Amino acid sequence: MVERFHVCASCVNFQAVRTDDGMKYFCRRLGYETKTTYKFNCWEPKPQVKRLMEKRKG
């Protein structure tokens, strides 16, 4: 189940910033630019993602 949700965009540390050049995505914890689909071992799901995971778990 976690594999379905485990991406940077669903992590509490994910930050999207709109710039003149378009959207930039950052990991506040790691301190560098990332992509929405990247995966790291430090992933901590957002509260709404946790609830969705629990709901789908049954």
PDB file of N, CA and C in Angstrom:
ATOM      1  N   MET A   1       0.822  -1.193   0.000  1.00  0.00           N
ATOM      2  CA  MET A   1       0.000   0.000   0.000  1.00  0.00           C
ATOM      3  C   MET A   1       0.868   1.260   0.000  1.00  0.00           C
ATOM      4  N   VAL A   2       1.919   1.271   0.799  1.00  0.00           N
ATOM      5  CA  VAL A   2       2.779   2.449   0.894  1.00  0.00           C
ATOM      6  C   VAL A   2       3.374   2.802  -0.466  1.00  0.00           C
ATOM      7  N   GLU A   3       3.714   1.808  -1.259  1.00  0.00           N
ATOM      8  CA  GLU A   3       4.329   2.050  -2.555  1.00  0.00           C
ATOM      9  C   GLU A   3       3.456   2.944  -3.441  1.00  0.00           C
ATOM     10  N   ARG A   4       2.154   2.840  -3.306  1.00  0.00           N
ATOM     11  CA  ARG A   4       1.229   3.658  -4.088  1.00  0.00           C
ATOM     12  C   ARG A   4       1.334   5.143  -3.769  1.00  0.00           C
ATOM     13  N   PHE A   5       1.671   5.453  -2.540  1.00  0.00           N
ATOM     14  CA  PHE A   5       1.658   6.830  -2.058  1.00  0.00           C
ATOM     15  C   PHE A   5       3.053   7.409  -1.840  1.00  0.00           C
ATOM     16  N   HIS A   6       4.054   6.562  -1.801  1.00  0.00           N
ATOM     17  CA  HIS A   6       5.397   6.983  -1.419  1.00  0.00           C
ATOM     18  C   HIS A   6       6.093   7.761  -2.536  1.00  0.00           C
ATOM     19  N   VAL A   7       5.808   9.042  -2.614  1.00  0.00           N
ATOM     20  CA  VAL A   7       6.485   9.968  -3.526  1.00  0.00           C
ATOM     21  C   VAL A   7       6.647  11.303  -2.804  1.00  0.00           C
ATOM     22  N   CYS A   8       7.585  12.098  -3.260  1.00  0.00           N
ATOM     23  CA  CYS A   8       7.861  13.382  -2.604  1.00  0.00           C
ATOM     24  C   CYS A   8       6.621  14.266  -2.468  1.00  0.00           C
ATOM     25  N   ALA A   9       5.772  14.284  -3.473  1.00  0.00           N
ATOM     26  CA  ALA A   9       4.608  15.173  -3.449  1.00  0.00           C
ATOM     27  C   ALA A   9       3.655  14.866  -2.296  1.00  0.00           C
ATOM     28  N   SER A  10       3.712  13.679  -1.731  1.00  0.00           N
ATOM     29  CA  SER A  10       2.816  13.321  -0.633  1.00  0.00           C
ATOM     30  C   SER A  10       3.503  13.392   0.730  1.00  0.00           C
ATOM     31  N   CYS A  11       4.698  13.973   0.782  1.00  0.00           N
ATOM     32  CA  CYS A  11       5.481  14.061   2.015  1.00  0.00           C
ATOM     33  C   CYS A  11       5.272  15.410   2.700  1.00  0.00           C
ATOM     34  N   VAL A  12       5.343  15.422   4.022  1.00  0.00           N
ATOM     35  CA  VAL A  12       5.184  16.662   4.784  1.00  0.00           C
ATOM     36  C   VAL A  12       6.299  17.660   4.497  1.00  0.00           C
ATOM     37  N   ASN A  13       7.426  17.207   4.014  1.00  0.00           N
ATOM     38  CA  ASN A  13       8.567  18.080   3.742  1.00  0.00           C
ATOM     39  C   ASN A  13       8.585  18.654   2.332  1.00  0.00           C
ATOM     40  N   PHE A  14       7.613  18.289   1.516  1.00  0.00           N
ATOM     41  CA  PHE A  14       7.545  18.746   0.137  1.00  0.00           C
ATOM     42  C   PHE A  14       7.030  20.172   0.080  1.00  0.00           C
ATOM     43  N   GLN A  15       7.706  20.994  -0.715  1.00  0.00           N
ATOM     44  CA  GLN A  15       7.300  22.391  -0.851  1.00  0.00           C
ATOM     45  C   GLN A  15       7.302  22.764  -2.328  1.00  0.00           C
ATOM     46  N   ALA A  16       6.188  23.296  -2.808  1.00  0.00           N
ATOM     47  CA  ALA A  16       6.062  23.780  -4.183  1.00  0.00           C
ATOM     48  C   ALA A  16       6.149  25.300  -4.174  1.00  0.00           C
ATOM     49  N   VAL A  17       6.982  25.843  -5.065  1.00  0.00           N
ATOM     50  CA  VAL A  17       7.181  27.283  -5.136  1.00  0.00           C
ATOM     51  C   VAL A  17       7.001  27.724  -6.581  1.00  0.00           C
ATOM     52  N   ARG A  18       6.126  28.707  -6.787  1.00  0.00           N
ATOM     53  CA  ARG A  18       5.924  29.259  -8.132  1.00  0.00           C
ATOM     54  C   ARG A  18       6.957  30.363  -8.363  1.00  0.00           C
ATOM     55  N   THR A  19       7.699  30.246  -9.466  1.00  0.00           N
ATOM     56  CA  THR A  19       8.694  31.251  -9.841  1.00  0.00           C
ATOM     57  C   THR A  19       8.340  31.796 -11.217  1.00  0.00           C
ATOM     58  N   ASP A  20       9.079  32.787 -11.661  1.00  0.00           N
ATOM     59  CA  ASP A  20       8.880  33.325 -13.005  1.00  0.00           C
ATOM     60  C   ASP A  20       9.151  32.270 -14.071  1.00  0.00           C
ATOM     61  N   ASP A  21      10.000  31.309 -13.748  1.00  0.00           N
ATOM     62  CA  ASP A  21      10.357  30.241 -14.680  1.00  0.00           C
ATOM     63  C   ASP A  21       9.428  29.031 -14.586  1.00  0.00           C
ATOM     64  N   GLY A  22       8.423  29.089 -13.737  1.00  0.00           N
ATOM     65  CA  GLY A  22       7.501  27.971 -13.548  1.00  0.00           C
ATOM     66  C   GLY A  22       7.578  27.441 -12.129  1.00  0.00           C
ATOM     67  N   MET A  23       7.060  26.253 -11.917  1.00  0.00           N
ATOM     68  CA  MET A  23       7.038  25.649 -10.582  1.00  0.00           C
ATOM     69  C   MET A  23       8.389  25.006 -10.261  1.00  0.00           C
ATOM     70  N   LYS A  24       8.803  25.164  -9.013  1.00  0.00           N
ATOM     71  CA  LYS A  24      10.000  24.508  -8.482  1.00  0.00           C
ATOM     72  C   LYS A  24       9.555  23.721  -7.261  1.00  0.00           C
ATOM     73  N   TYR A  25      10.122  22.560  -7.078  1.00  0.00           N
ATOM     74  CA  TYR A  25       9.747  21.683  -5.975  1.00  0.00           C
ATOM     75  C   TYR A  25      10.971  21.407  -5.114  1.00  0.00           C
ATOM     76  N   PHE A  26      10.802  21.529  -3.797  1.00  0.00           N
ATOM     77  CA  PHE A  26      11.912  21.385  -2.871  1.00  0.00           C
ATOM     78  C   PHE A  26      11.557  20.441  -1.726  1.00  0.00           C
ATOM     79  N   CYS A  27      12.582  19.815  -1.185  1.00  0.00           N
ATOM     80  CA  CYS A  27      12.449  19.057   0.054  1.00  0.00           C
ATOM     81  C   CYS A  27      13.011  19.941   1.160  1.00  0.00           C
ATOM     82  N   ARG A  28      12.159  20.359   2.085  1.00  0.00           N
ATOM     83  CA  ARG A  28      12.613  21.213   3.184  1.00  0.00           C
ATOM     84  C   ARG A  28      13.566  20.459   4.105  1.00  0.00           C
ATOM     85  N   ARG A  29      13.371  19.162   4.240  1.00  0.00           N
ATOM     86  CA  ARG A  29      14.221  18.377   5.141  1.00  0.00           C
ATOM     87  C   ARG A  29      15.610  18.186   4.560  1.00  0.00           C
ATOM     88  N   LEU A  30      15.679  17.790   3.292  1.00  0.00           N
ATOM     89  CA  LEU A  30      16.970  17.530   2.668  1.00  0.00           C
ATOM     90  C   LEU A  30      17.631  18.808   2.161  1.00  0.00           C
ATOM     91  N   GLY A  31      16.814  19.828   1.880  1.00  0.00           N
ATOM     92  CA  GLY A  31      17.351  21.118   1.504  1.00  0.00           C
ATOM     93  C   GLY A  31      17.726  21.284   0.043  1.00  0.00           C
ATOM     94  N   TYR A  32      17.119  20.504  -0.832  1.00  0.00           N
ATOM     95  CA  TYR A  32      17.415  20.694  -2.246  1.00  0.00           C
ATOM     96  C   TYR A  32      16.196  20.437  -3.113  1.00  0.00           C
ATOM     97  N   GLU A  33      16.343  20.790  -4.393  1.00  0.00           N
ATOM     98  CA  GLU A  33      15.248  20.640  -5.341  1.00  0.00           C
ATOM     99  C   GLU A  33      14.964  19.162  -5.589  1.00  0.00           C
ATOM    100  N   THR A  34      13.685  18.853  -5.786  1.00  0.00           N
ATOM    101  CA  THR A  34      13.266  17.477  -6.031  1.00  0.00           C
ATOM    102  C   THR A  34      12.210  17.476  -7.131  1.00  0.00           C
ATOM    103  N   LYS A  35      11.672  16.340  -7.412  1.00  0.00           N
ATOM    104  CA  LYS A  35      10.571  16.185  -8.360  1.00  0.00           C
ATOM    105  C   LYS A  35       9.407  15.553  -7.607  1.00  0.00           C
ATOM    106  N   THR A  36       8.202  15.745  -8.093  1.00  0.00           N
ATOM    107  CA  THR A  36       7.023  15.220  -7.404  1.00  0.00           C
ATOM    108  C   THR A  36       7.039  13.702  -7.316  1.00  0.00           C
ATOM    109  N   THR A  37       7.660  13.035  -8.273  1.00  0.00           N
ATOM    110  CA  THR A  37       7.637  11.565  -8.322  1.00  0.00           C
ATOM    111  C   THR A  37       8.864  10.907  -7.709  1.00  0.00           C
ATOM    112  N   TYR A  38       9.803  11.687  -7.220  1.00  0.00           N
ATOM    113  CA  TYR A  38      10.992  11.101  -6.589  1.00  0.00           C
ATOM    114  C   TYR A  38      10.592  10.415  -5.287  1.00  0.00           C
ATOM    115  N   LYS A  39      11.449   9.492  -4.845  1.00  0.00           N
ATOM    116  CA  LYS A  39      11.224   8.766  -3.591  1.00  0.00           C
ATOM    117  C   LYS A  39      12.503   8.762  -2.774  1.00  0.00           C
ATOM    118  N   PHE A  40      12.381   9.044  -1.474  1.00  0.00           N
ATOM    119  CA  PHE A  40      13.510   8.985  -0.562  1.00  0.00           C
ATOM    120  C   PHE A  40      13.094   8.199   0.676  1.00  0.00           C
ATOM    121  N   ASN A  41      14.062   7.638   1.381  1.00  0.00           N
ATOM    122  CA  ASN A  41      13.773   6.829   2.569  1.00  0.00           C
ATOM    123  C   ASN A  41      13.271   7.652   3.739  1.00  0.00           C
ATOM    124  N   CYS A  42      13.433   8.969   3.692  1.00  0.00           N
ATOM    125  CA  CYS A  42      13.011   9.825   4.806  1.00  0.00           C
ATOM    126  C   CYS A  42      11.550  10.243   4.688  1.00  0.00           C
ATOM    127  N   TRP A  43      10.821   9.665   3.771  1.00  0.00           N
ATOM    128  CA  TRP A  43       9.437  10.045   3.485  1.00  0.00           C
ATOM    129  C   TRP A  43       8.555   9.968   4.717  1.00  0.00           C
ATOM    130  N   GLU A  44       7.843  11.058   4.980  1.00  0.00           N
ATOM    131  CA  GLU A  44       6.845  11.124   6.056  1.00  0.00           C
ATOM    132  C   GLU A  44       5.549  11.622   5.425  1.00  0.00           C
ATOM    133  N   PRO A  45       4.532  10.761   5.287  1.00  0.00           N
ATOM    134  CA  PRO A  45       3.317  11.161   4.579  1.00  0.00           C
ATOM    135  C   PRO A  45       2.564  12.291   5.271  1.00  0.00           C
ATOM    136  N   LYS A  46       1.928  13.131   4.467  1.00  0.00           N
ATOM    137  CA  LYS A  46       1.079  14.200   4.978  1.00  0.00           C
ATOM    138  C   LYS A  46      -0.110  13.578   5.699  1.00  0.00           C
ATOM    139  N   PRO A  47      -0.725  14.306   6.636  1.00  0.00           N
ATOM    140  CA  PRO A  47      -1.863  13.752   7.387  1.00  0.00           C
ATOM    141  C   PRO A  47      -2.988  13.231   6.492  1.00  0.00           C
ATOM    142  N   GLN A  48      -3.318  13.942   5.415  1.00  0.00           N
ATOM    143  CA  GLN A  48      -4.399  13.491   4.548  1.00  0.00           C
ATOM    144  C   GLN A  48      -4.009  12.212   3.804  1.00  0.00           C
ATOM    145  N   VAL A  49      -2.733  12.041   3.532  1.00  0.00           N
ATOM    146  CA  VAL A  49      -2.258  10.818   2.878  1.00  0.00           C
ATOM    147  C   VAL A  49      -2.332   9.647   3.861  1.00  0.00           C
ATOM    148  N   LYS A  50      -1.978   9.903   5.116  1.00  0.00           N
ATOM    149  CA  LYS A  50      -2.094   8.862   6.144  1.00  0.00           C
ATOM    150  C   LYS A  50      -3.539   8.393   6.283  1.00  0.00           C
ATOM    151  N   ARG A  51      -4.474   9.352   6.293  1.00  0.00           N
ATOM    152  CA  ARG A  51      -5.882   8.989   6.418  1.00  0.00           C
ATOM    153  C   ARG A  51      -6.343   8.172   5.212  1.00  0.00           C
ATOM    154  N   LEU A  52      -5.941   8.570   4.027  1.00  0.00           N
ATOM    155  CA  LEU A  52      -6.303   7.834   2.827  1.00  0.00           C
ATOM    156  C   LEU A  52      -5.724   6.417   2.835  1.00  0.00           C
ATOM    157  N   MET A  53      -4.493   6.288   3.294  1.00  0.00           N
ATOM    158  CA  MET A  53      -3.869   4.959   3.391  1.00  0.00           C
ATOM    159  C   MET A  53      -4.640   4.071   4.364  1.00  0.00           C
ATOM    160  N   GLU A  54      -5.019   4.633   5.493  1.00  0.00           N
ATOM    161  CA  GLU A  54      -5.790   3.869   6.487  1.00  0.00           C
ATOM    162  C   GLU A  54      -7.148   3.469   5.911  1.00  0.00           C
ATOM    163  N   LYS A  55      -7.799   4.394   5.229  1.00  0.00           N
ATOM    164  CA  LYS A  55      -9.109   4.120   4.653  1.00  0.00           C
ATOM    165  C   LYS A  55      -9.038   2.983   3.623  1.00  0.00           C
ATOM    166  N   ARG A  56      -8.016   3.027   2.803  1.00  0.00           N
ATOM    167  CA  ARG A  56      -7.872   2.001   1.756  1.00  0.00           C
ATOM    168  C   ARG A  56      -7.359   0.678   2.294  1.00  0.00           C
ATOM    169  N   LYS A  57      -6.742   0.719   3.467  1.00  0.00           N
ATOM    170  CA  LYS A  57      -6.238  -0.510   4.082  1.00  0.00           C
ATOM    171  C   LYS A  57      -7.403  -1.375   4.566  1.00  0.00           C
ATOM    172  N   GLY A  58      -8.491  -0.709   4.921  1.00  0.00           N
ATOM    173  CA  GLY A  58      -9.657  -1.477   5.249  1.00  0.00           C
ATOM    174  C   GLY A  58     -10.168  -1.307   6.613  1.00  0.00           C
TER     175      GLY A  58
END
